[in-house]
Amino acid sequence: MIQRRPSADRGFFDHGWLKTHHTFSFAHYVDPAWMGFRSLRVLNDDRIEGGKGFGKHGHENMEIISYVVAGALEHKDSLGNGSVLRPGDIQRMTAGSGIRHSEWNASRTDEVHLIQTWILPERDGLDAGWEEKHFPIEERANRFCTLVAHDRRDGSLGIHQDVIMLAGTFDPGATARYDLAPGRHAWIQIARGSARIHDTLLEEGDGAAVRDETRVDIEAVTEAEVLVFDLA
């Protein structure tokens, strides 16, 4: 079964410098029907104006993954880490027992578009941590590349939860298949463009919950960037 989550149905807030869509309930946006999916608790689709960003703020007991679609995002945290994320870069931050960080558009003029997900950890009170890696775009051209996994398979970043995150960029008409093990579920998110998941058309910003399926078949309709979360 595939349950589509249309982009237009998401929570939306325009703060001027920040335009944000919430796939699941977050902050002042509450939708009892969409409190998360399995261990995937937050999926925010943010566009930040040049020279703006989130000042230093704190998190606890959450695995936070930042994925940049376009532009550059500057990160600094209380562990002493600092970096600039660009397309192809993936960051996983374990908030654990507590971490503070800031996220800022590294450009003064160009918008940054990012997707940030929060995943419930396997247990509370983990040591706070940070990890980042670049995955060249060509490694995920017309196929899925594993970015994050509990067992760090295929050189991916680690995460403290039974989750696999993958991404692929597809030319129009390109197809890909992702097999789901028995009892597994998937969340599909269209970061850019449009694609069909089996017979369901998903456009930019749309998501879909996949249940009771043995595989996910994807066909790009336009040039598309697709995220897959394989969840217990």
Protein backbone atom coordinates (compact mmCIF):
# COMPACT_ATOMS: atom_id res chain seq x y z
CA MET A 1 0.00 0.00 0.00
CA ILE A 2 1.22 3.48 -0.89
CA GLN A 3 -0.25 6.48 0.94
CA ARG A 4 0.57 9.78 -0.73
CA ARG A 5 1.28 12.88 1.37
CA PRO A 6 0.71 15.79 -1.06
CA SER A 7 3.04 18.76 -0.77
CA ALA A 8 0.11 21.18 -0.58
CA ASP A 9 -1.31 19.37 2.48
CA ARG A 10 1.84 19.87 4.57
CA GLY A 11 2.14 22.50 7.25
CA PHE A 12 3.57 25.72 5.82
CA PHE A 13 4.99 28.83 7.46
CA ASP A 14 6.46 31.90 5.78
CA HIS A 15 8.75 33.74 8.19
CA GLY A 16 10.12 36.02 5.48
CA TRP A 17 13.72 34.81 5.72
CA LEU A 18 12.53 31.19 6.08
CA LYS A 19 9.88 29.33 4.11
CA THR A 20 9.29 25.93 5.66
CA HIS A 21 7.04 22.94 4.96
CA HIS A 22 6.40 20.35 7.67
CA THR A 23 5.51 16.85 6.44
CA PHE A 24 4.82 15.79 10.03
CA SER A 25 3.61 17.68 13.09
CA PHE A 26 6.29 20.10 14.24
CA ALA A 27 6.38 23.09 16.62
CA HIS A 28 3.09 25.01 16.18
CA TYR A 29 1.88 22.74 13.37
CA VAL A 30 -0.09 19.77 14.71
CA ASP A 31 -1.88 17.20 12.56
CA PRO A 32 -2.91 14.12 14.59
CA ALA A 33 -2.98 12.06 11.38
CA TRP A 34 0.66 12.88 10.63
CA MET A 35 2.71 12.69 13.83
CA GLY A 36 5.51 10.84 12.05
CA PHE A 37 6.05 7.52 10.31
CA ARG A 38 7.67 4.67 12.21
CA SER A 39 10.88 6.15 13.74
CA LEU A 40 10.83 9.09 11.29
CA ARG A 41 9.50 11.91 13.47
CA VAL A 42 10.24 15.14 11.54
CA LEU A 43 10.73 15.94 7.86
CA ASN A 44 11.11 19.67 7.22
CA ASP A 45 11.63 21.16 3.77
CA ASP A 46 13.31 24.54 4.32
CA ARG A 47 14.33 27.42 2.10
CA ILE A 48 16.51 30.01 3.83
CA GLU A 49 17.17 33.49 2.45
CA GLY A 50 20.76 34.59 1.82
CA GLY A 51 22.56 35.81 4.92
CA LYS A 52 19.94 34.38 7.29
CA GLY A 53 19.62 31.27 9.43
CA PHE A 54 18.90 29.64 12.77
CA GLY A 55 20.91 30.96 15.71
CA LYS A 56 22.39 28.68 18.37
CA HIS A 57 19.68 26.40 19.77
CA GLY A 58 19.56 23.07 21.57
CA HIS A 59 18.31 19.53 20.92
CA GLU A 60 18.19 16.31 22.93
CA ASN A 61 17.55 12.63 22.17
CA MET A 62 17.15 12.83 18.42
CA GLU A 63 19.13 11.72 15.35
CA ILE A 64 19.16 14.72 12.98
CA ILE A 65 20.07 14.35 9.29
CA SER A 66 20.62 17.42 7.09
CA TYR A 67 20.47 17.07 3.30
CA VAL A 68 21.16 20.08 1.07
CA VAL A 69 19.28 20.17 -2.23
CA ALA A 70 20.72 23.50 -3.43
CA GLY A 71 22.96 26.20 -2.03
CA ALA A 72 25.26 26.05 0.99
CA LEU A 73 24.47 25.63 4.69
CA GLU A 74 26.94 26.62 7.41
CA HIS A 75 26.91 24.48 10.57
CA LYS A 76 28.50 25.16 13.97
CA ASP A 77 27.90 23.23 17.18
CA SER A 78 28.82 23.04 20.86
CA LEU A 79 31.19 20.12 20.19
CA GLY A 80 33.45 22.47 18.26
CA ASN A 81 32.46 21.26 14.79
CA GLY A 82 32.06 23.68 11.91
CA SER A 83 31.47 23.07 8.21
CA VAL A 84 29.60 24.18 5.11
CA LEU A 85 27.21 21.63 3.58
CA ARG A 86 26.59 21.65 -0.16
CA PRO A 87 24.69 19.27 -2.49
CA GLY A 88 26.20 15.82 -2.09
CA ASP A 89 27.16 16.42 1.56
CA ILE A 90 25.28 14.55 4.31
CA GLN A 91 25.40 15.39 7.98
CA ARG A 92 24.17 13.24 10.90
CA MET A 93 24.05 14.81 14.32
CA THR A 94 23.28 12.79 17.45
CA ALA A 95 21.62 15.20 19.86
CA GLY A 96 21.68 12.55 22.59
CA SER A 97 22.25 13.97 26.07
CA GLY A 98 22.31 17.49 24.61
CA ILE A 99 23.87 19.55 21.85
CA ARG A 100 23.59 23.15 20.68
CA HIS A 101 24.11 24.22 17.10
CA SER A 102 23.43 26.93 14.53
CA GLU A 103 22.50 26.61 10.86
CA TRP A 104 23.10 29.55 8.58
CA ASN A 105 22.93 30.23 4.87
CA ALA A 106 26.60 30.41 3.87
CA SER A 107 25.75 32.77 0.99
CA ARG A 108 24.67 36.36 1.50
CA THR A 109 22.68 36.36 -1.75
CA ASP A 110 21.61 32.85 -2.82
CA GLU A 111 18.87 30.81 -1.19
CA VAL A 112 19.70 27.47 0.43
CA HIS A 113 17.23 24.61 0.10
CA LEU A 114 17.58 21.79 2.59
CA ILE A 115 15.62 18.83 3.88
CA GLN A 116 16.14 18.03 7.53
CA THR A 117 14.85 14.87 9.16
CA TRP A 118 14.67 13.92 12.82
CA ILE A 119 14.69 10.23 13.70
CA LEU A 120 13.92 8.82 17.13
CA PRO A 121 17.07 7.14 18.54
CA GLU A 122 17.25 3.55 19.72
CA ARG A 123 17.66 4.86 23.28
CA ASP A 124 17.84 8.15 25.13
CA GLY A 125 20.94 9.63 26.73
CA LEU A 126 23.45 8.80 23.99
CA ASP A 127 26.65 10.80 23.84
CA ALA A 128 26.20 13.79 21.56
CA GLY A 129 27.99 13.35 18.25
CA TRP A 130 28.43 14.64 14.71
CA GLU A 131 29.44 13.06 11.42
CA GLU A 132 29.56 14.29 7.86
CA LYS A 133 30.51 12.90 4.46
CA HIS A 134 30.47 13.89 0.80
CA PHE A 135 28.75 11.53 -1.65
CA PRO A 136 29.58 12.53 -5.24
CA ILE A 137 26.51 13.14 -7.36
CA GLU A 138 27.73 10.67 -9.98
CA GLU A 139 27.55 7.86 -7.41
CA ARG A 140 23.77 8.24 -7.29
CA ALA A 141 23.03 9.08 -10.92
CA ASN A 142 20.02 6.98 -12.00
CA ARG A 143 20.42 4.69 -8.99
CA PHE A 144 20.14 4.77 -5.23
CA CYS A 145 23.16 5.37 -3.03
CA THR A 146 23.12 4.52 0.69
CA LEU A 147 23.85 7.65 2.70
CA VAL A 148 23.05 6.63 6.29
CA ALA A 149 22.61 3.20 7.89
CA HIS A 150 22.76 1.64 11.35
CA ASP A 151 25.47 -0.79 10.18
CA ARG A 152 27.34 1.81 8.07
CA ARG A 153 26.95 -0.37 4.97
CA ASP A 154 28.59 0.68 1.72
CA GLY A 155 30.60 3.43 3.42
CA SER A 156 27.54 5.29 4.69
CA LEU A 157 27.28 7.40 7.83
CA GLY A 158 26.17 5.61 10.99
CA ILE A 159 22.96 6.24 12.91
CA HIS A 160 21.61 5.07 16.27
CA GLN A 161 18.42 3.53 14.86
CA ASP A 162 17.42 0.71 12.51
CA VAL A 163 17.10 3.02 9.51
CA ILE A 164 18.62 3.16 6.03
CA MET A 165 18.53 6.44 4.11
CA LEU A 166 19.20 6.47 0.37
CA ALA A 167 19.11 9.07 -2.38
CA GLY A 168 19.14 9.05 -6.16
CA THR A 169 19.09 11.64 -8.93
CA PHE A 170 17.30 10.48 -12.06
CA ASP A 171 17.02 11.55 -15.68
CA PRO A 172 13.50 11.68 -17.19
CA GLY A 173 12.33 8.12 -17.88
CA ALA A 174 15.04 6.48 -15.75
CA THR A 175 13.90 3.67 -13.46
CA ALA A 176 15.17 2.11 -10.26
CA ARG A 177 14.05 -0.61 -7.88
CA TYR A 178 14.58 -0.86 -4.15
CA ASP A 179 13.79 -4.14 -2.41
CA LEU A 180 12.20 -4.11 1.04
CA ALA A 181 12.87 -6.95 3.47
CA PRO A 182 9.83 -8.61 5.10
CA GLY A 183 8.29 -6.41 7.76
CA ARG A 184 10.09 -3.26 6.57
CA HIS A 185 8.42 0.03 5.63
CA ALA A 186 9.56 2.94 3.51
CA TRP A 187 9.05 6.66 3.28
CA ILE A 188 9.64 8.25 -0.13
CA GLN A 189 10.28 11.99 -0.45
CA ILE A 190 10.58 13.91 -3.70
CA ALA A 191 13.22 16.58 -3.12
CA ARG A 192 13.12 17.85 -6.69
CA GLY A 193 11.18 17.05 -9.86
CA SER A 194 8.57 14.31 -10.19
CA ALA A 195 8.46 10.51 -10.28
CA ARG A 196 6.04 7.61 -10.23
CA ILE A 197 6.16 5.15 -7.35
CA HIS A 198 4.43 2.11 -8.83
CA ASP A 199 1.30 3.84 -10.25
CA THR A 200 1.34 6.83 -7.90
CA LEU A 201 2.61 10.14 -9.27
CA LEU A 202 4.66 12.13 -6.77
CA GLU A 203 5.68 15.70 -7.49
CA GLU A 204 8.22 17.97 -5.82
CA GLY A 205 7.56 18.13 -2.08
CA ASP A 206 5.26 15.10 -2.09
CA GLY A 207 5.98 12.15 0.17
CA ALA A 208 4.57 8.65 0.45
CA ALA A 209 4.32 5.99 3.12
CA VAL A 210 4.94 2.48 1.79
CA ARG A 211 3.53 -0.47 3.74
CA ASP A 212 3.13 -4.17 2.98
CA GLU A 213 5.22 -4.03 -0.19
CA THR A 214 8.23 -6.16 -1.13
CA ARG A 215 9.86 -3.48 -3.27
CA VAL A 216 9.66 0.12 -4.41
CA ASP A 217 9.70 0.75 -8.17
CA ILE A 218 10.50 4.30 -9.22
CA GLU A 219 10.28 5.93 -12.65
CA ALA A 220 11.33 9.56 -13.06
CA VAL A 221 8.82 11.67 -14.99
CA THR A 222 11.05 14.75 -15.08
CA GLU A 223 14.60 15.11 -13.81
CA ALA A 224 14.13 14.04 -10.19
CA GLU A 225 15.89 13.79 -6.86
CA VAL A 226 14.38 11.11 -4.61
CA LEU A 227 15.01 10.20 -0.98
CA VAL A 228 14.13 6.80 0.47
CA PHE A 229 13.96 5.92 4.17
CA ASP A 230 13.89 2.18 4.86
CA LEU A 231 12.36 1.80 8.33
CA ALA A 232 11.72 -1.03 10.78
